[in-house]
Protein backbone atom coordinates (compact mmCIF):
# COMPACT_ATOMS: atom_id res chain seq x y z
CA MET A 1 -2.50 25.01 -21.58
CA ASN A 2 -1.76 23.05 -18.46
CA SER A 3 -1.95 19.34 -18.60
CA THR A 4 -3.99 17.33 -16.21
CA PRO A 5 -1.85 16.03 -13.26
CA LYS A 6 -1.29 12.39 -13.55
CA GLY A 7 -2.19 10.18 -10.67
CA LEU A 8 -4.90 8.12 -9.18
CA ALA A 9 -8.53 9.36 -8.35
CA LEU A 10 -11.81 7.63 -7.27
CA SER A 11 -15.33 9.07 -7.64
CA HIS A 12 -18.53 7.69 -6.43
CA PHE A 13 -17.00 4.49 -5.63
CA HIS A 14 -18.69 1.73 -3.81
CA ALA A 15 -17.25 -1.86 -2.83
CA GLY A 16 -18.18 -4.76 -0.52
CA TYR A 17 -20.68 -7.60 -0.73
CA PRO A 18 -24.17 -7.76 -2.45
CA LYS A 19 -25.91 -7.44 1.06
CA ARG A 20 -23.15 -5.66 3.06
CA PRO A 21 -21.52 -2.64 1.58
CA VAL A 22 -18.03 -1.85 2.97
CA ILE A 23 -17.19 1.24 0.99
CA SER A 24 -20.01 3.71 0.07
CA ASP A 25 -19.83 6.55 -2.37
CA LEU A 26 -16.11 7.33 -1.85
CA ASN A 27 -14.55 10.15 -3.56
CA VAL A 28 -10.73 10.55 -3.27
CA PRO A 29 -8.92 13.37 -5.02
CA LYS A 30 -6.00 12.69 -7.29
CA LEU A 31 -3.05 11.03 -5.56
CA PRO A 32 -0.03 12.20 -7.48
CA ARG A 33 2.69 9.86 -9.06
CA GLY A 34 5.96 9.70 -7.21
CA LYS A 35 4.36 9.94 -3.89
CA ILE A 36 3.40 7.50 -1.03
CA THR A 37 -0.26 7.69 0.30
CA VAL A 38 -0.80 6.07 3.58
CA LEU A 39 -4.15 4.45 4.23
CA LEU A 40 -5.22 4.74 7.82
CA GLY A 41 -8.07 3.75 9.94
CA PRO A 42 -9.38 1.19 12.71
CA ASN A 43 -10.20 -2.47 12.14
CA GLY A 44 -13.04 -2.89 9.77
CA SER A 45 -12.80 0.59 8.36
CA GLY A 46 -12.58 -0.92 4.67
CA LYS A 47 -8.83 -0.41 4.20
CA SER A 48 -8.24 -3.97 2.68
CA SER A 49 -11.53 -4.05 0.88
CA LEU A 50 -10.68 -0.73 -0.71
CA LEU A 51 -7.39 -1.94 -2.04
CA ARG A 52 -8.76 -5.16 -3.46
CA ALA A 53 -11.67 -3.47 -5.22
CA ILE A 54 -9.15 -1.07 -6.68
CA ALA A 55 -7.16 -3.98 -7.96
CA GLY A 56 -10.34 -5.67 -9.49
CA LEU A 57 -10.55 -8.11 -6.88
CA GLY A 58 -13.80 -7.43 -5.26
CA ASN A 59 -17.35 -6.38 -6.01
CA ALA A 60 -17.30 -2.64 -6.89
CA LYS A 61 -18.76 0.08 -8.94
CA GLY A 62 -18.06 3.66 -9.64
CA ASN A 63 -14.88 5.17 -11.22
CA VAL A 64 -11.19 4.55 -10.70
CA TYR A 65 -9.01 6.78 -12.81
CA LEU A 66 -5.25 6.12 -13.30
CA ASP A 67 -4.12 9.30 -15.22
CA ASP A 68 -6.91 9.67 -17.75
CA VAL A 69 -7.75 5.82 -17.88
CA ASN A 70 -10.78 4.53 -16.13
CA LEU A 71 -9.74 1.16 -14.69
CA MET A 72 -13.26 0.03 -14.06
CA GLN A 73 -13.70 -0.17 -17.90
CA LEU A 74 -10.64 -2.15 -18.64
CA PRO A 75 -10.68 -6.13 -18.78
CA PHE A 76 -9.09 -7.54 -15.80
CA SER A 77 -5.90 -8.57 -17.75
CA GLN A 78 -5.35 -4.99 -18.96
CA ARG A 79 -6.00 -3.77 -15.47
CA ALA A 80 -3.56 -6.18 -13.91
CA GLU A 81 -0.73 -4.69 -16.33
CA LYS A 82 -1.17 -1.40 -14.61
CA VAL A 83 -2.01 -2.35 -11.01
CA VAL A 84 -0.30 -4.65 -8.62
CA TYR A 85 -1.76 -5.50 -5.28
CA LEU A 86 0.14 -7.40 -2.57
CA PRO A 87 -1.99 -8.90 -0.02
CA GLN A 88 -1.13 -9.34 3.69
CA SER A 89 0.17 -12.76 3.11
CA LEU A 90 1.30 -14.89 0.16
CA PRO A 91 -0.72 -17.84 -1.16
CA ALA A 92 0.42 -21.07 0.61
CA GLY A 93 1.32 -24.18 -1.05
CA VAL A 94 3.83 -22.65 -3.86
CA HIS A 95 6.62 -24.81 -4.29
CA LEU A 96 9.16 -22.49 -5.81
CA HIS A 97 12.46 -21.04 -4.92
CA VAL A 98 12.20 -17.37 -3.95
CA LEU A 99 14.32 -16.59 -7.22
CA GLU A 100 11.98 -18.42 -9.21
CA SER A 101 8.99 -17.04 -7.80
CA ILE A 102 10.06 -13.64 -8.59
CA ILE A 103 11.16 -14.40 -12.19
CA VAL A 104 7.79 -15.84 -12.74
CA ALA A 105 6.26 -12.62 -11.57
CA GLN A 106 8.65 -10.67 -13.78
CA ARG A 107 7.85 -12.60 -17.01
CA ALA A 108 3.96 -12.46 -16.33
CA SER A 109 4.48 -8.59 -16.88
CA GLY A 110 6.28 -9.05 -20.14
CA GLY A 111 9.78 -10.07 -18.94
CA LEU A 112 13.13 -9.58 -20.26
CA SER A 113 15.77 -12.07 -21.41
CA GLN A 114 16.51 -15.00 -19.03
CA ARG A 115 19.74 -13.38 -18.16
CA GLU A 116 18.35 -9.90 -17.72
CA ASP A 117 15.32 -11.40 -15.64
CA LYS A 118 17.79 -13.12 -13.09
CA ASP A 119 20.20 -10.00 -12.85
CA ALA A 120 17.09 -7.72 -12.04
CA VAL A 121 15.82 -10.16 -9.43
CA MET A 122 19.14 -10.47 -7.82
CA THR A 123 19.63 -6.71 -7.64
CA LEU A 124 16.20 -6.37 -6.03
CA LEU A 125 16.87 -9.11 -3.52
CA ARG A 126 20.23 -7.40 -2.54
CA GLN A 127 18.30 -4.20 -2.00
CA LEU A 128 15.81 -6.08 0.29
CA GLY A 129 18.62 -7.75 2.40
CA ILE A 130 17.36 -11.09 1.31
CA GLU A 131 19.74 -12.16 -1.40
CA HIS A 132 21.00 -15.20 0.57
CA LEU A 133 17.27 -16.48 0.42
CA ALA A 134 17.22 -16.83 -3.29
CA LEU A 135 17.57 -20.63 -3.64
CA ASN A 136 15.30 -21.17 -0.40
CA TYR A 137 11.68 -22.48 -1.03
CA LEU A 138 8.89 -20.16 -0.10
CA ASP A 139 7.52 -22.47 2.43
CA GLN A 140 10.76 -22.49 4.18
CA LEU A 141 10.47 -18.71 5.01
CA SER A 142 9.25 -16.86 7.92
CA GLY A 143 6.47 -14.66 7.71
CA GLY A 144 8.43 -11.50 7.45
CA GLN A 145 10.63 -12.96 4.75
CA LYS A 146 7.61 -14.02 2.78
CA GLN A 147 6.38 -10.25 2.88
CA LEU A 148 9.92 -9.12 1.64
CA VAL A 149 9.53 -11.71 -1.11
CA GLY A 150 6.01 -10.54 -2.00
CA LEU A 151 7.34 -6.90 -2.15
CA ALA A 152 10.02 -8.14 -4.57
CA GLN A 153 7.46 -9.97 -6.80
CA SER A 154 5.41 -6.72 -6.78
CA LEU A 155 8.23 -4.31 -7.66
CA ILE A 156 9.80 -6.56 -10.19
CA ARG A 157 6.46 -6.30 -12.27
CA GLN A 158 6.95 -2.46 -12.66
CA PRO A 159 3.37 -1.25 -12.08
CA SER A 160 1.96 2.10 -12.43
CA LEU A 161 -0.10 1.47 -9.13
CA LEU A 162 1.27 -0.33 -6.30
CA LEU A 163 -1.15 -1.48 -3.74
CA LEU A 164 0.38 -2.64 -0.50
CA ASP A 165 -1.84 -4.24 2.18
CA GLU A 166 0.09 -4.11 5.55
CA PRO A 167 3.55 -5.10 4.05
CA LEU A 168 5.28 -4.30 7.46
CA SER A 169 3.06 -6.28 9.75
CA ALA A 170 5.57 -9.31 10.29
CA LEU A 171 8.74 -7.15 9.92
CA ASP A 172 10.97 -6.13 12.89
CA LEU A 173 11.56 -2.15 13.45
CA ASN A 174 14.89 -2.17 11.52
CA TYR A 175 13.33 -3.98 8.24
CA GLN A 176 10.30 -1.59 8.66
CA PHE A 177 12.44 1.46 8.05
CA HIS A 178 14.43 -0.40 5.35
CA VAL A 179 11.40 -1.49 3.56
CA MET A 180 9.61 1.92 3.55
CA ASP A 181 12.75 3.82 2.50
CA LEU A 182 13.10 1.21 -0.65
CA VAL A 183 9.39 1.73 -1.16
CA ARG A 184 9.78 5.60 -1.33
CA ARG A 185 13.01 5.16 -3.55
CA GLU A 186 11.22 3.09 -6.09
CA THR A 187 8.08 5.00 -6.01
CA GLN A 188 10.03 8.18 -6.99
CA ARG A 189 12.58 6.64 -9.37
CA ARG A 190 9.57 4.87 -11.35
CA ASN A 191 7.12 7.61 -10.91
CA ILE A 192 4.43 5.45 -9.77
CA VAL A 193 1.29 5.72 -7.39
CA THR A 194 1.88 3.94 -4.15
CA VAL A 195 -0.83 3.35 -1.68
CA VAL A 196 0.17 1.48 1.65
CA VAL A 197 -2.07 0.17 4.57
CA VAL A 198 -0.28 0.30 7.84
CA HIS A 199 -1.54 0.19 11.29
CA ASP A 200 1.37 2.36 12.87
CA ILE A 201 0.44 6.01 12.64
CA ASN A 202 4.07 7.02 13.11
CA ILE A 203 4.96 5.15 9.91
CA ALA A 204 2.38 7.20 8.16
CA LEU A 205 3.89 10.54 9.78
CA ARG A 206 7.56 9.52 8.96
CA HIS A 207 7.08 7.86 5.49
CA GLY A 208 3.86 8.99 4.04
CA ASP A 209 3.46 12.08 1.43
CA HIS A 210 -0.29 11.91 1.83
CA VAL A 211 -2.92 10.20 4.31
CA LEU A 212 -6.33 8.90 3.80
CA MET A 213 -8.17 8.11 6.86
CA LEU A 214 -11.34 5.87 6.79
CA GLN A 215 -13.88 5.09 9.16
CA ASN A 216 -16.78 2.91 8.57
CA GLY A 217 -16.31 3.04 4.73
CA GLN A 218 -16.21 6.74 4.71
CA LEU A 219 -13.26 9.11 4.12
CA ILE A 220 -12.93 11.21 7.27
CA ALA A 221 -9.91 13.29 6.23
CA ASP A 222 -7.28 13.50 3.52
CA GLY A 223 -4.03 15.53 3.20
CA GLU A 224 -0.63 15.73 4.40
CA PRO A 225 0.19 13.40 7.38
CA ALA A 226 0.59 16.30 9.85
CA GLU A 227 -2.77 17.88 8.72
CA VAL A 228 -4.77 14.53 9.10
CA ILE A 229 -3.04 13.05 12.10
CA THR A 230 -4.04 15.20 15.10
CA ALA A 231 -5.19 14.73 18.49
CA GLU A 232 -8.84 15.35 17.49
CA SER A 233 -8.69 12.74 14.60
CA LEU A 234 -6.92 10.11 16.96
CA ALA A 235 -9.84 10.63 19.49
CA ARG A 236 -12.71 10.68 17.11
CA VAL A 237 -11.45 7.71 14.80
CA TYR A 238 -9.41 5.42 17.34
CA GLY A 239 -10.94 6.58 20.60
CA VAL A 240 -7.47 7.30 22.15
CA ARG A 241 -5.94 10.51 23.80
CA GLY A 242 -2.95 11.16 21.87
CA ARG A 243 -0.63 14.15 21.41
CA ILE A 244 1.85 14.99 18.37
CA GLU A 245 5.48 15.62 19.42
CA ARG A 246 8.58 15.90 17.30
CA CYS A 247 11.53 13.69 17.68
CA SER A 248 15.15 14.49 17.49
CA GLN A 249 14.95 14.72 13.61
CA GLY A 250 12.19 17.09 13.73
CA ILE A 251 9.46 14.54 12.48
CA PRO A 252 6.09 14.48 14.08
CA GLN A 253 5.36 11.51 16.28
CA VAL A 254 2.23 10.19 18.14
CA ILE A 255 2.44 9.71 21.85
CA ILE A 256 -0.73 7.83 23.26
CA ASP A 257 -1.73 8.87 26.77
CA GLY A 258 -4.67 6.56 26.97
CA LEU A 259 -8.39 5.94 25.99
CA VAL A 260 -10.93 8.56 25.43
CA THR A 261 -13.27 8.16 28.62
CA GLU A 262 -15.87 10.89 27.73
CA PRO A 263 -18.18 11.00 24.86
CA LEU A 264 -16.85 13.43 22.06
CA GLN A 265 -18.95 16.51 21.64
């Protein structure tokens, strides 16, 4: 008998505020482990609210299944053992070295010995290219450096579900590629479910295995990137005239020609 595939699934999921729903009756098919799902949509479509609600940080009802466990039925402490959510920016006013902050995150998830903790953190900092910042205080870092530290804090906790809210927004082009390559490698190596919010559609085409496209809190489309990101969906969801062409590596990319000037039929 075939076993049920492992992954993340949502059914009849609602999130938002008591008098202002943001996500309404959302149903998401199972997103498999070892894959990156990219969450796309215009501003205000509910992307960040959805991630926060899945992590247990917002008002929500419905079902969120990770493998065969309904996260909505778990106490927050147990949910946090499985799910790590990285917001767009780290909390201010934390007076710790980079190294200390990541070790704290590791120990919050069970931790290793002090020596093993430090070795694991330094390895991760090297992979992210910020080993030289280990003894810098968090409040001395640039926005992009803080995002990299936040990613290190998230990965060191070894989650089953990794939720990243615009982790590339303060990074230059080189680091965007570097970080997404690392996220893909760690997602595959650890066999976890990773959901990433980005605004750059070409990031989704290049690095995503699956795409969910939201509009006004509703799931407009889901599937492989090239199936979801089309000239029609760009016009309908973003209001732009775009075309899909392939770069020298054969990867699809979006070229925007302008705004949609006539109402869609």
